[in-house]
Amino acid sequence: MRTSINNIRYFILVLGIFIGLPVYNQTYQQKLIEIDLKSLYEKNELTLVNRQVKWSEEKGQDVIELLLNEDEGLAWIKGIEFKTGTIELRLKGIDVYQHSFLGIAFHGVNDSTFDALYFRPFQFLAEDTVRKKRAIQYISLPQYTWSRLRETQNGKFENQVVPAPDPNDWFHARFIISETEARVYVNDTPEPYLIVPLLGAKSGKIGLYTAYRSGGSFANLRIIKG
């Protein structure tokens, strides 16, 4: 009897693949969330931390801009809990030294405890090779700041982006978050520019991130939960 059931299951699987019927397993059990940034702005569905935000339209895309301020700034997206999966978006910073740090915050426990992956666009085209290798950064606050990680494990949690995007223009970023590590891709490159072990919580809030004395623009955000 068990053999017959297994044969039936196998037949359904093969038939589904052949005629294009949806066949579900763990690989396909992912949830795509297209984030409507304009709606988030209009419905007050962003929890802002130390930043003001404005909405605009640029090049046919809805844009959320976190305005420059001192200290770190966040825009948590209400109602989304994130553990593993893929985060994609477009970002735009500025080529002004020490005034452009922008990316994503995830696995947020509160406003001071979270992981973040962010870019320093002003380092993209730096002539100094040391500075250039600090274009992407991972942090896990409050314990693992960029300065502590650089001091204790120099070069492990940051890297360069080559070929570099225009530091004053839009670029695409894709972050793949597993249970143990994060991978960062820029402008649809096949290989990640940064692979780091995760040091913080395993799940939590997700949002937009800007660091000290920085603003930043964000568009076309989507989340695929793993």
N, C-alpha and C. Protein backbone atom coordinates (compact mmCIF):
# COMPACT_ATOMS: atom_id res chain seq x y z
N MET A 1 0.83 -1.21 0.00
CA MET A 1 0.00 0.00 0.00
C MET A 1 0.87 1.26 0.00
N ARG A 2 1.91 1.27 0.85
CA ARG A 2 2.81 2.41 0.93
C ARG A 2 3.51 2.63 -0.41
N THR A 3 3.88 1.49 -1.09
CA THR A 3 4.53 1.61 -2.39
C THR A 3 3.61 2.27 -3.40
N SER A 4 2.33 1.94 -3.37
CA SER A 4 1.37 2.53 -4.30
C SER A 4 1.23 4.02 -4.06
N ILE A 5 1.17 4.43 -2.80
CA ILE A 5 1.05 5.85 -2.47
C ILE A 5 2.27 6.61 -2.95
N ASN A 6 3.43 6.03 -2.72
CA ASN A 6 4.67 6.68 -3.17
C ASN A 6 4.70 6.81 -4.69
N ASN A 7 4.21 5.77 -5.39
CA ASN A 7 4.16 5.82 -6.85
C ASN A 7 3.23 6.93 -7.33
N ILE A 8 2.10 7.10 -6.63
CA ILE A 8 1.14 8.14 -6.99
C ILE A 8 1.76 9.52 -6.78
N ARG A 9 2.45 9.70 -5.63
CA ARG A 9 3.10 10.97 -5.35
C ARG A 9 4.16 11.29 -6.41
N TYR A 10 4.91 10.29 -6.79
CA TYR A 10 5.95 10.49 -7.81
C TYR A 10 5.33 10.87 -9.15
N PHE A 11 4.21 10.19 -9.49
CA PHE A 11 3.53 10.49 -10.75
C PHE A 11 3.03 11.93 -10.76
N ILE A 12 2.43 12.40 -9.64
CA ILE A 12 1.92 13.77 -9.54
C ILE A 12 3.06 14.77 -9.67
N LEU A 13 4.19 14.48 -9.02
CA LEU A 13 5.35 15.35 -9.09
C LEU A 13 5.84 15.51 -10.52
N VAL A 14 6.02 14.36 -11.21
CA VAL A 14 6.50 14.39 -12.59
C VAL A 14 5.49 15.08 -13.50
N LEU A 15 4.20 14.79 -13.31
CA LEU A 15 3.17 15.42 -14.12
C LEU A 15 3.16 16.92 -13.91
N GLY A 16 3.30 17.35 -12.65
CA GLY A 16 3.29 18.78 -12.36
C GLY A 16 4.43 19.49 -13.03
N ILE A 17 5.62 18.90 -12.99
CA ILE A 17 6.78 19.51 -13.64
C ILE A 17 6.56 19.57 -15.15
N PHE A 18 5.99 18.49 -15.70
CA PHE A 18 5.83 18.39 -17.16
C PHE A 18 4.83 19.41 -17.70
N ILE A 19 3.70 19.59 -17.01
CA ILE A 19 2.66 20.48 -17.54
C ILE A 19 2.68 21.85 -16.88
N GLY A 20 3.60 22.06 -15.94
CA GLY A 20 3.74 23.39 -15.37
C GLY A 20 2.87 23.67 -14.17
N LEU A 21 2.29 22.63 -13.56
CA LEU A 21 1.52 22.85 -12.35
C LEU A 21 2.44 23.22 -11.20
N PRO A 22 1.96 24.04 -10.24
CA PRO A 22 2.82 24.38 -9.11
C PRO A 22 3.11 23.17 -8.26
N VAL A 23 4.37 22.95 -7.98
CA VAL A 23 4.81 21.85 -7.12
C VAL A 23 5.53 22.48 -5.94
N TYR A 24 5.05 22.24 -4.75
CA TYR A 24 5.57 22.94 -3.58
C TYR A 24 6.47 22.04 -2.76
N ASN A 25 7.62 22.61 -2.36
CA ASN A 25 8.47 22.01 -1.34
C ASN A 25 9.12 23.15 -0.60
N GLN A 26 10.07 22.87 0.26
CA GLN A 26 10.68 23.90 1.08
C GLN A 26 11.38 24.96 0.24
N THR A 27 11.92 24.56 -0.90
CA THR A 27 12.62 25.51 -1.76
C THR A 27 11.68 26.59 -2.25
N TYR A 28 10.40 26.25 -2.52
CA TYR A 28 9.46 27.19 -3.09
C TYR A 28 8.62 27.91 -2.04
N GLN A 29 8.74 27.51 -0.80
CA GLN A 29 7.94 28.11 0.25
C GLN A 29 8.58 29.42 0.70
N GLN A 30 8.60 30.40 -0.21
CA GLN A 30 9.11 31.71 0.06
C GLN A 30 8.01 32.73 -0.18
N LYS A 31 8.10 33.85 0.52
CA LYS A 31 7.06 34.85 0.42
C LYS A 31 7.67 36.15 -0.08
N LEU A 32 7.23 36.58 -1.28
CA LEU A 32 7.70 37.83 -1.86
C LEU A 32 6.84 38.98 -1.34
N ILE A 33 7.50 40.00 -0.80
CA ILE A 33 6.81 41.18 -0.31
C ILE A 33 7.32 42.39 -1.10
N GLU A 34 6.48 42.91 -1.96
CA GLU A 34 6.81 44.14 -2.68
C GLU A 34 6.45 45.32 -1.79
N ILE A 35 7.42 46.14 -1.46
CA ILE A 35 7.20 47.23 -0.54
C ILE A 35 6.81 48.49 -1.32
N ASP A 36 5.61 49.01 -1.05
CA ASP A 36 5.14 50.24 -1.67
C ASP A 36 5.61 51.41 -0.79
N LEU A 37 6.73 52.02 -1.15
CA LEU A 37 7.31 53.06 -0.31
C LEU A 37 6.40 54.28 -0.19
N LYS A 38 5.71 54.62 -1.27
CA LYS A 38 4.79 55.75 -1.21
C LYS A 38 3.67 55.48 -0.21
N SER A 39 3.13 54.26 -0.23
CA SER A 39 2.07 53.90 0.69
C SER A 39 2.56 53.91 2.14
N LEU A 40 3.76 53.41 2.35
CA LEU A 40 4.33 53.45 3.70
C LEU A 40 4.41 54.88 4.22
N TYR A 41 4.81 55.78 3.34
CA TYR A 41 4.95 57.18 3.71
C TYR A 41 3.58 57.80 4.00
N GLU A 42 2.63 57.58 3.10
CA GLU A 42 1.31 58.22 3.23
C GLU A 42 0.51 57.66 4.39
N LYS A 43 0.69 56.38 4.70
CA LYS A 43 -0.08 55.75 5.77
C LYS A 43 0.66 55.73 7.11
N ASN A 44 1.80 56.41 7.17
CA ASN A 44 2.57 56.50 8.40
C ASN A 44 2.95 55.11 8.92
N GLU A 45 3.44 54.25 8.00
CA GLU A 45 3.80 52.89 8.38
C GLU A 45 5.31 52.70 8.51
N LEU A 46 6.01 53.81 8.70
CA LEU A 46 7.43 53.78 9.01
C LEU A 46 7.64 54.30 10.43
N THR A 47 8.36 53.55 11.23
CA THR A 47 8.72 54.02 12.56
C THR A 47 10.08 54.68 12.47
N LEU A 48 10.11 55.99 12.60
CA LEU A 48 11.33 56.75 12.39
C LEU A 48 12.11 56.90 13.69
N VAL A 49 13.43 56.76 13.57
CA VAL A 49 14.33 56.92 14.71
C VAL A 49 15.40 57.92 14.32
N ASN A 50 15.35 59.09 14.92
CA ASN A 50 16.37 60.12 14.71
C ASN A 50 16.50 60.58 13.27
N ARG A 51 15.44 60.51 12.52
CA ARG A 51 15.43 60.99 11.14
C ARG A 51 14.05 61.52 10.77
N GLN A 52 14.04 62.49 9.87
CA GLN A 52 12.83 62.87 9.18
C GLN A 52 12.88 62.25 7.79
N VAL A 53 11.72 62.08 7.18
CA VAL A 53 11.67 61.39 5.91
C VAL A 53 10.77 62.16 4.94
N LYS A 54 11.10 62.09 3.66
CA LYS A 54 10.22 62.68 2.66
C LYS A 54 10.10 61.74 1.47
N TRP A 55 8.99 61.86 0.76
CA TRP A 55 8.73 61.03 -0.41
C TRP A 55 8.84 61.89 -1.66
N SER A 56 9.33 61.29 -2.75
CA SER A 56 9.37 61.97 -4.03
C SER A 56 9.32 60.93 -5.13
N GLU A 57 9.27 61.39 -6.37
CA GLU A 57 9.32 60.49 -7.52
C GLU A 57 10.51 60.89 -8.38
N GLU A 58 11.33 59.90 -8.73
CA GLU A 58 12.52 60.18 -9.52
C GLU A 58 12.75 59.06 -10.52
N LYS A 59 12.88 59.42 -11.77
CA LYS A 59 13.12 58.45 -12.83
C LYS A 59 12.06 57.34 -12.83
N GLY A 60 10.81 57.74 -12.58
CA GLY A 60 9.70 56.80 -12.60
C GLY A 60 9.59 55.88 -11.41
N GLN A 61 10.34 56.15 -10.34
CA GLN A 61 10.30 55.29 -9.17
C GLN A 61 9.96 56.11 -7.92
N ASP A 62 9.21 55.49 -7.01
CA ASP A 62 8.91 56.12 -5.73
C ASP A 62 10.15 56.09 -4.86
N VAL A 63 10.48 57.22 -4.26
CA VAL A 63 11.71 57.35 -3.50
C VAL A 63 11.40 57.81 -2.08
N ILE A 64 11.98 57.13 -1.13
CA ILE A 64 11.96 57.56 0.27
C ILE A 64 13.36 58.09 0.60
N GLU A 65 13.40 59.30 1.12
CA GLU A 65 14.68 59.88 1.50
C GLU A 65 14.72 60.11 3.01
N LEU A 66 15.72 59.53 3.66
CA LEU A 66 15.99 59.83 5.05
C LEU A 66 16.90 61.05 5.10
N LEU A 67 16.45 62.09 5.77
CA LEU A 67 17.17 63.35 5.75
C LEU A 67 18.35 63.32 6.73
N LEU A 68 19.39 64.02 6.35
CA LEU A 68 20.62 64.04 7.13
C LEU A 68 20.38 64.52 8.55
N ASN A 69 21.07 63.85 9.49
CA ASN A 69 21.02 64.25 10.89
C ASN A 69 22.24 63.68 11.60
N GLU A 70 22.46 64.12 12.82
CA GLU A 70 23.54 63.56 13.62
C GLU A 70 23.17 62.16 14.07
N ASP A 71 24.15 61.37 14.45
CA ASP A 71 23.96 60.01 14.97
C ASP A 71 23.29 59.11 13.92
N GLU A 72 23.01 57.89 14.32
CA GLU A 72 22.42 56.92 13.40
C GLU A 72 20.92 57.13 13.27
N GLY A 73 20.39 56.82 12.09
CA GLY A 73 18.97 56.99 11.84
C GLY A 73 18.36 55.76 11.22
N LEU A 74 17.10 55.50 11.55
CA LEU A 74 16.40 54.30 11.09
C LEU A 74 15.00 54.65 10.64
N ALA A 75 14.49 53.81 9.72
CA ALA A 75 13.08 53.83 9.36
C ALA A 75 12.60 52.38 9.36
N TRP A 76 12.10 51.92 10.51
CA TRP A 76 11.60 50.55 10.62
C TRP A 76 10.29 50.43 9.85
N ILE A 77 10.11 49.30 9.15
CA ILE A 77 8.87 49.03 8.44
C ILE A 77 7.92 48.30 9.38
N LYS A 78 6.80 48.89 9.64
CA LYS A 78 5.86 48.32 10.59
C LYS A 78 5.27 47.00 10.06
N GLY A 79 5.13 46.05 10.95
CA GLY A 79 4.40 44.82 10.64
C GLY A 79 5.19 43.75 9.93
N ILE A 80 6.48 43.91 9.75
CA ILE A 80 7.28 42.89 9.07
C ILE A 80 8.35 42.35 10.01
N GLU A 81 8.31 41.06 10.23
CA GLU A 81 9.33 40.35 11.00
C GLU A 81 10.18 39.57 10.01
N PHE A 82 11.49 39.73 10.09
CA PHE A 82 12.37 39.11 9.11
C PHE A 82 13.38 38.21 9.81
N LYS A 83 13.54 37.00 9.23
CA LYS A 83 14.53 36.05 9.75
C LYS A 83 15.58 35.74 8.70
N THR A 84 15.18 35.08 7.63
CA THR A 84 16.09 34.77 6.53
C THR A 84 15.41 35.10 5.21
N GLY A 85 16.24 35.27 4.17
CA GLY A 85 15.69 35.55 2.85
C GLY A 85 16.55 36.54 2.10
N THR A 86 15.93 37.23 1.14
CA THR A 86 16.63 38.17 0.28
C THR A 86 15.98 39.54 0.38
N ILE A 87 16.81 40.56 0.47
CA ILE A 87 16.36 41.95 0.50
C ILE A 87 16.99 42.65 -0.70
N GLU A 88 16.17 43.27 -1.54
CA GLU A 88 16.67 43.98 -2.70
C GLU A 88 16.14 45.41 -2.70
N LEU A 89 16.96 46.35 -3.15
CA LEU A 89 16.54 47.73 -3.26
C LEU A 89 17.55 48.52 -4.07
N ARG A 90 17.15 49.74 -4.42
CA ARG A 90 18.06 50.69 -5.05
C ARG A 90 18.38 51.78 -4.04
N LEU A 91 19.63 52.25 -4.08
CA LEU A 91 20.07 53.26 -3.13
C LEU A 91 20.82 54.37 -3.86
N LYS A 92 20.79 55.55 -3.25
CA LYS A 92 21.59 56.66 -3.78
C LYS A 92 22.14 57.49 -2.63
N GLY A 93 23.47 57.61 -2.61
CA GLY A 93 24.13 58.45 -1.63
C GLY A 93 24.77 59.64 -2.29
N ILE A 94 25.81 60.17 -1.65
CA ILE A 94 26.54 61.30 -2.21
C ILE A 94 28.03 61.08 -2.02
N ASP A 95 28.80 61.70 -2.90
CA ASP A 95 30.25 61.56 -2.84
C ASP A 95 30.85 62.70 -1.99
N VAL A 96 30.50 62.69 -0.71
CA VAL A 96 31.01 63.67 0.24
C VAL A 96 31.62 62.91 1.41
N TYR A 97 32.89 63.12 1.63
CA TYR A 97 33.64 62.34 2.62
C TYR A 97 32.98 62.38 4.00
N GLN A 98 32.74 61.20 4.53
CA GLN A 98 32.16 60.99 5.86
C GLN A 98 30.74 61.53 6.01
N HIS A 99 30.03 61.65 4.89
CA HIS A 99 28.65 62.14 4.96
C HIS A 99 27.69 61.27 4.14
N SER A 100 28.03 60.01 3.90
CA SER A 100 27.12 59.16 3.14
C SER A 100 27.29 57.71 3.57
N PHE A 101 26.38 57.27 4.43
CA PHE A 101 26.36 55.89 4.93
C PHE A 101 24.92 55.42 4.85
N LEU A 102 24.62 54.46 3.99
CA LEU A 102 23.22 54.05 3.85
C LEU A 102 23.12 52.58 3.49
N GLY A 103 22.05 51.95 4.00
CA GLY A 103 21.84 50.53 3.73
C GLY A 103 20.59 50.03 4.42
N ILE A 104 20.65 48.79 4.91
CA ILE A 104 19.50 48.18 5.56
C ILE A 104 19.86 47.79 7.00
N ALA A 105 18.85 47.85 7.83
CA ALA A 105 18.94 47.31 9.19
C ALA A 105 18.01 46.10 9.26
N PHE A 106 18.43 45.06 9.96
CA PHE A 106 17.60 43.86 10.04
C PHE A 106 17.85 43.15 11.37
N HIS A 107 17.00 42.18 11.67
CA HIS A 107 17.05 41.47 12.95
C HIS A 107 17.03 42.46 14.11
N GLY A 108 16.19 43.48 13.95
CA GLY A 108 16.11 44.50 14.98
C GLY A 108 15.36 44.04 16.22
N VAL A 109 16.00 44.17 17.35
CA VAL A 109 15.36 43.88 18.64
C VAL A 109 14.73 45.16 19.19
N ASN A 110 15.46 46.26 19.08
CA ASN A 110 14.97 47.58 19.44
C ASN A 110 15.76 48.61 18.63
N ASP A 111 15.64 49.87 19.01
CA ASP A 111 16.27 50.92 18.21
C ASP A 111 17.78 51.01 18.38
N SER A 112 18.34 50.26 19.28
CA SER A 112 19.80 50.27 19.46
C SER A 112 20.43 48.89 19.33
N THR A 113 19.60 47.87 19.10
CA THR A 113 20.09 46.50 18.97
C THR A 113 19.60 45.92 17.65
N PHE A 114 20.51 45.84 16.69
CA PHE A 114 20.16 45.34 15.35
C PHE A 114 21.44 45.09 14.57
N ASP A 115 21.30 44.38 13.45
CA ASP A 115 22.38 44.22 12.49
C ASP A 115 22.15 45.20 11.34
N ALA A 116 23.22 45.58 10.68
CA ALA A 116 23.08 46.45 9.51
C ALA A 116 24.17 46.13 8.49
N LEU A 117 23.80 46.27 7.24
CA LEU A 117 24.74 46.21 6.11
C LEU A 117 24.58 47.52 5.36
N TYR A 118 25.68 48.24 5.20
CA TYR A 118 25.54 49.55 4.58
C TYR A 118 26.75 49.89 3.72
N PHE A 119 26.55 50.91 2.89
CA PHE A 119 27.57 51.35 1.94
C PHE A 119 28.11 52.72 2.34
N ARG A 120 29.35 52.95 1.93
CA ARG A 120 29.97 54.26 2.03
C ARG A 120 30.27 54.73 0.59
N PRO A 121 29.32 55.35 -0.10
CA PRO A 121 29.54 55.73 -1.49
C PRO A 121 30.76 56.62 -1.71
N PHE A 122 31.11 57.43 -0.72
CA PHE A 122 32.27 58.30 -0.88
C PHE A 122 33.59 57.52 -0.93
N GLN A 123 33.53 56.21 -0.64
CA GLN A 123 34.71 55.36 -0.75
C GLN A 123 34.77 54.60 -2.08
N PHE A 124 33.68 54.65 -2.86
CA PHE A 124 33.62 53.84 -4.07
C PHE A 124 34.80 54.10 -5.01
N LEU A 125 35.13 55.36 -5.21
CA LEU A 125 36.17 55.73 -6.17
C LEU A 125 37.42 56.30 -5.50
N ALA A 126 37.58 56.01 -4.24
CA ALA A 126 38.74 56.53 -3.51
C ALA A 126 40.04 56.05 -4.14
N GLU A 127 40.99 56.96 -4.27
CA GLU A 127 42.29 56.58 -4.81
C GLU A 127 43.12 55.81 -3.80
N ASP A 128 42.91 56.11 -2.54
CA ASP A 128 43.61 55.38 -1.48
C ASP A 128 43.04 53.97 -1.40
N THR A 129 43.88 52.95 -1.53
CA THR A 129 43.40 51.56 -1.56
C THR A 129 42.80 51.12 -0.24
N VAL A 130 43.29 51.65 0.87
CA VAL A 130 42.72 51.30 2.18
C VAL A 130 41.30 51.82 2.28
N ARG A 131 41.09 53.07 1.91
CA ARG A 131 39.75 53.64 1.95
C ARG A 131 38.82 52.89 1.00
N LYS A 132 39.32 52.54 -0.16
CA LYS A 132 38.48 51.89 -1.17
C LYS A 132 37.95 50.55 -0.67
N LYS A 133 38.72 49.87 0.17
CA LYS A 133 38.31 48.58 0.70
C LYS A 133 37.30 48.71 1.84
N ARG A 134 36.83 49.91 2.09
CA ARG A 134 35.85 50.15 3.15
C ARG A 134 34.53 50.65 2.58
N ALA A 135 34.19 50.17 1.39
CA ALA A 135 32.98 50.64 0.71
C ALA A 135 31.71 49.97 1.23
N ILE A 136 31.80 48.73 1.72
CA ILE A 136 30.66 48.00 2.28
C ILE A 136 31.01 47.61 3.71
N GLN A 137 30.05 47.71 4.61
CA GLN A 137 30.32 47.43 6.03
C GLN A 137 29.17 46.62 6.65
N TYR A 138 29.53 45.68 7.51
CA TYR A 138 28.57 44.97 8.36
C TYR A 138 28.82 45.39 9.80
N ILE A 139 27.75 45.61 10.56
CA ILE A 139 27.84 45.86 11.99
C ILE A 139 26.73 45.09 12.70
N SER A 140 26.92 44.87 13.98
CA SER A 140 25.91 44.23 14.82
C SER A 140 25.90 44.97 16.15
N LEU A 141 25.00 45.94 16.25
CA LEU A 141 24.97 46.82 17.41
C LEU A 141 24.15 46.23 18.55
N PRO A 142 24.50 46.60 19.79
CA PRO A 142 25.49 47.62 20.16
C PRO A 142 26.92 47.07 20.36
N GLN A 143 27.07 45.76 20.33
CA GLN A 143 28.36 45.18 20.70
C GLN A 143 29.42 45.32 19.62
N TYR A 144 29.05 45.06 18.38
CA TYR A 144 30.04 45.01 17.31
C TYR A 144 29.91 46.22 16.40
N THR A 145 30.50 47.32 16.81
CA THR A 145 30.53 48.53 16.00
C THR A 145 31.56 48.36 14.88
N TRP A 146 31.50 49.26 13.90
CA TRP A 146 32.47 49.17 12.81
C TRP A 146 33.90 49.34 13.34
N SER A 147 34.08 50.20 14.32
CA SER A 147 35.42 50.43 14.84
C SER A 147 35.97 49.22 15.58
N ARG A 148 35.10 48.54 16.33
CA ARG A 148 35.55 47.35 17.05
C ARG A 148 35.88 46.23 16.06
N LEU A 149 35.03 46.03 15.07
CA LEU A 149 35.29 44.98 14.09
C LEU A 149 36.56 45.26 13.30
N ARG A 150 36.77 46.52 12.96
CA ARG A 150 37.98 46.86 12.22
C ARG A 150 39.23 46.67 13.08
N GLU A 151 39.10 46.98 14.35
CA GLU A 151 40.24 46.85 15.25
C GLU A 151 40.60 45.40 15.54
N THR A 152 39.58 44.55 15.69
CA THR A 152 39.82 43.16 16.10
C THR A 152 39.91 42.19 14.93
N GLN A 153 39.22 42.50 13.82
CA GLN A 153 39.21 41.59 12.66
C GLN A 153 39.25 42.42 11.38
N ASN A 154 40.31 43.16 11.21
CA ASN A 154 40.43 44.12 10.12
C ASN A 154 40.25 43.45 8.74
N GLY A 155 39.34 44.02 7.96
CA GLY A 155 39.12 43.53 6.61
C GLY A 155 38.10 42.42 6.46
N LYS A 156 37.64 41.85 7.57
CA LYS A 156 36.71 40.72 7.49
C LYS A 156 35.27 41.17 7.29
N PHE A 157 34.91 42.33 7.83
CA PHE A 157 33.52 42.76 7.82
C PHE A 157 33.27 43.97 6.93
N GLU A 158 34.23 44.28 6.05
CA GLU A 158 34.05 45.34 5.07
C GLU A 158 34.85 45.00 3.82
N ASN A 159 34.47 45.64 2.70
CA ASN A 159 35.15 45.31 1.45
C ASN A 159 34.89 46.40 0.42
N GLN A 160 35.58 46.30 -0.71
CA GLN A 160 35.43 47.24 -1.80
C GLN A 160 34.35 46.79 -2.77
N VAL A 161 33.97 47.69 -3.66
CA VAL A 161 33.05 47.38 -4.75
C VAL A 161 33.76 47.72 -6.06
N VAL A 162 34.11 46.69 -6.82
CA VAL A 162 34.81 46.88 -8.09
C VAL A 162 34.18 45.97 -9.14
N PRO A 163 33.66 46.52 -10.25
CA PRO A 163 33.66 47.93 -10.61
C PRO A 163 32.73 48.76 -9.72
N ALA A 164 33.14 49.97 -9.45
CA ALA A 164 32.41 50.82 -8.51
C ALA A 164 31.27 51.56 -9.20
N PRO A 165 30.12 51.67 -8.55
CA PRO A 165 29.04 52.51 -9.08
C PRO A 165 29.42 53.99 -8.98
N ASP A 166 28.67 54.81 -9.67
CA ASP A 166 28.79 56.26 -9.51
C ASP A 166 28.33 56.60 -8.09
N PRO A 167 29.18 57.22 -7.28
CA PRO A 167 28.80 57.47 -5.88
C PRO A 167 27.68 58.49 -5.71
N ASN A 168 27.34 59.21 -6.78
CA ASN A 168 26.25 60.20 -6.71
C ASN A 168 24.99 59.73 -7.42
N ASP A 169 24.97 58.46 -7.85
CA ASP A 169 23.83 57.97 -8.63
C ASP A 169 23.26 56.71 -7.99
N TRP A 170 22.15 56.25 -8.56
CA TRP A 170 21.49 55.05 -8.06
C TRP A 170 22.30 53.80 -8.35
N PHE A 171 22.26 52.85 -7.42
CA PHE A 171 22.81 51.52 -7.66
C PHE A 171 21.91 50.49 -6.99
N HIS A 172 21.99 49.27 -7.48
CA HIS A 172 21.14 48.19 -6.98
C HIS A 172 21.93 47.33 -6.00
N ALA A 173 21.30 46.92 -4.92
CA ALA A 173 21.94 46.04 -3.95
C ALA A 173 21.01 44.89 -3.60
N ARG A 174 21.63 43.73 -3.42
CA ARG A 174 20.88 42.54 -3.02
C ARG A 174 21.60 41.91 -1.83
N PHE A 175 20.85 41.69 -0.76
CA PHE A 175 21.39 41.11 0.46
C PHE A 175 20.72 39.76 0.69
N ILE A 176 21.51 38.71 0.75
CA ILE A 176 20.98 37.37 1.03
C ILE A 176 21.36 37.00 2.45
N ILE A 177 20.34 36.81 3.28
CA ILE A 177 20.54 36.56 4.70
C ILE A 177 20.15 35.12 5.01
N SER A 178 21.10 34.32 5.46
CA SER A 178 20.81 32.96 5.91
C SER A 178 20.81 32.96 7.44
N GLU A 179 20.72 31.80 8.04
CA GLU A 179 20.72 31.72 9.49
C GLU A 179 22.10 32.03 10.08
N THR A 180 23.14 31.90 9.27
CA THR A 180 24.49 32.06 9.80
C THR A 180 25.31 33.16 9.14
N GLU A 181 24.94 33.61 7.93
CA GLU A 181 25.78 34.58 7.24
C GLU A 181 24.96 35.49 6.35
N ALA A 182 25.62 36.56 5.90
CA ALA A 182 25.01 37.50 4.95
C ALA A 182 25.93 37.66 3.75
N ARG A 183 25.32 37.80 2.58
CA ARG A 183 26.06 38.03 1.34
C ARG A 183 25.51 39.29 0.67
N VAL A 184 26.42 40.09 0.13
CA VAL A 184 26.03 41.36 -0.48
C VAL A 184 26.45 41.39 -1.95
N TYR A 185 25.48 41.68 -2.82
CA TYR A 185 25.72 41.80 -4.26
C TYR A 185 25.36 43.22 -4.69
N VAL A 186 26.09 43.73 -5.67
CA VAL A 186 25.85 45.09 -6.17
C VAL A 186 25.67 45.05 -7.68
N ASN A 187 24.60 45.71 -8.13
CA ASN A 187 24.33 45.83 -9.57
C ASN A 187 24.34 44.48 -10.29
N ASP A 188 23.67 43.50 -9.68
CA ASP A 188 23.44 42.20 -10.32
C ASP A 188 24.72 41.43 -10.64
N THR A 189 25.76 41.65 -9.89
CA THR A 189 26.98 40.87 -10.07
C THR A 189 26.74 39.43 -9.64
N PRO A 190 27.34 38.46 -10.34
CA PRO A 190 27.11 37.06 -10.00
C PRO A 190 27.79 36.63 -8.70
N GLU A 191 28.86 37.31 -8.31
CA GLU A 191 29.59 36.96 -7.10
C GLU A 191 29.40 38.03 -6.03
N PRO A 192 29.28 37.63 -4.77
CA PRO A 192 29.10 38.62 -3.70
C PRO A 192 30.36 39.43 -3.45
N TYR A 193 30.17 40.68 -3.10
CA TYR A 193 31.29 41.54 -2.73
C TYR A 193 31.66 41.39 -1.25
N LEU A 194 30.72 40.89 -0.47
CA LEU A 194 30.97 40.72 0.95
C LEU A 194 30.23 39.49 1.45
N ILE A 195 30.94 38.65 2.20
CA ILE A 195 30.34 37.50 2.89
C ILE A 195 30.79 37.58 4.34
N VAL A 196 29.81 37.66 5.26
CA VAL A 196 30.17 37.82 6.67
C VAL A 196 29.31 36.90 7.54
N PRO A 197 29.86 36.42 8.64
CA PRO A 197 29.05 35.69 9.62
C PRO A 197 28.18 36.67 10.39
N LEU A 198 26.99 36.23 10.75
CA LEU A 198 26.09 37.08 11.52
C LEU A 198 26.41 36.98 13.01
N LEU A 199 26.41 38.11 13.67
CA LEU A 199 26.83 38.16 15.07
C LEU A 199 25.72 38.55 16.03
N GLY A 200 24.54 38.87 15.51
CA GLY A 200 23.47 39.37 16.36
C GLY A 200 22.31 38.41 16.52
N ALA A 201 21.12 38.98 16.71
CA ALA A 201 19.90 38.20 16.87
C ALA A 201 19.58 37.44 15.58
N LYS A 202 18.74 36.45 15.67
CA LYS A 202 18.42 35.61 14.51
C LYS A 202 17.18 36.07 13.76
N SER A 203 16.42 36.98 14.32
CA SER A 203 15.25 37.51 13.63
C SER A 203 14.86 38.83 14.29
N GLY A 204 13.98 39.58 13.61
CA GLY A 204 13.55 40.84 14.19
C GLY A 204 13.03 41.79 13.13
N LYS A 205 13.00 43.06 13.49
CA LYS A 205 12.49 44.10 12.61
C LYS A 205 13.43 44.34 11.43
N ILE A 206 12.89 44.98 10.41
CA ILE A 206 13.69 45.32 9.23
C ILE A 206 13.38 46.75 8.83
N GLY A 207 14.40 47.45 8.32
CA GLY A 207 14.17 48.83 7.94
C GLY A 207 15.32 49.43 7.16
N LEU A 208 15.22 50.71 6.90
CA LEU A 208 16.24 51.47 6.19
C LEU A 208 17.18 52.09 7.21
N TYR A 209 18.46 52.20 6.83
CA TYR A 209 19.48 52.62 7.78
C TYR A 209 20.36 53.71 7.20
N THR A 210 20.65 54.72 8.01
CA THR A 210 21.69 55.70 7.70
C THR A 210 22.51 55.93 8.96
N ALA A 211 23.78 56.17 8.76
CA ALA A 211 24.68 56.32 9.91
C ALA A 211 24.93 57.80 10.21
N TYR A 212 25.91 58.03 11.04
CA TYR A 212 26.24 59.35 11.57
C TYR A 212 26.43 60.40 10.47
N ARG A 213 25.76 61.54 10.63
CA ARG A 213 25.86 62.67 9.71
C ARG A 213 25.54 62.28 8.27
N SER A 214 24.53 61.44 8.11
CA SER A 214 24.21 60.96 6.76
C SER A 214 22.71 60.93 6.51
N GLY A 215 22.35 61.20 5.27
CA GLY A 215 21.02 60.92 4.78
C GLY A 215 21.14 59.84 3.71
N GLY A 216 20.08 59.64 2.96
CA GLY A 216 20.14 58.64 1.90
C GLY A 216 18.80 58.45 1.24
N SER A 217 18.83 58.02 -0.03
CA SER A 217 17.60 57.78 -0.79
C SER A 217 17.46 56.30 -1.10
N PHE A 218 16.20 55.81 -1.07
CA PHE A 218 15.91 54.39 -1.21
C PHE A 218 14.71 54.21 -2.14
N ALA A 219 14.76 53.17 -2.99
CA ALA A 219 13.67 52.90 -3.93
C ALA A 219 13.62 51.40 -4.24
N ASN A 220 12.46 50.99 -4.79
CA ASN A 220 12.25 49.63 -5.31
C ASN A 220 12.62 48.54 -4.29
N LEU A 221 12.13 48.71 -3.09
CA LEU A 221 12.44 47.73 -2.03
C LEU A 221 11.52 46.53 -2.13
N ARG A 222 12.12 45.34 -2.07
CA ARG A 222 11.32 44.13 -1.98
C ARG A 222 12.04 43.13 -1.10
N ILE A 223 11.25 42.31 -0.44
CA ILE A 223 11.76 41.34 0.52
C ILE A 223 11.22 39.97 0.15
N ILE A 224 12.09 39.00 0.05
CA ILE A 224 11.68 37.61 -0.18
C ILE A 224 12.04 36.82 1.07
N LYS A 225 11.04 36.48 1.83
CA LYS A 225 11.30 35.73 3.06
C LYS A 225 11.63 34.29 2.75
N GLY A 226 12.68 33.78 3.37
CA GLY A 226 13.11 32.41 3.13
C GLY A 226 12.39 31.43 4.02
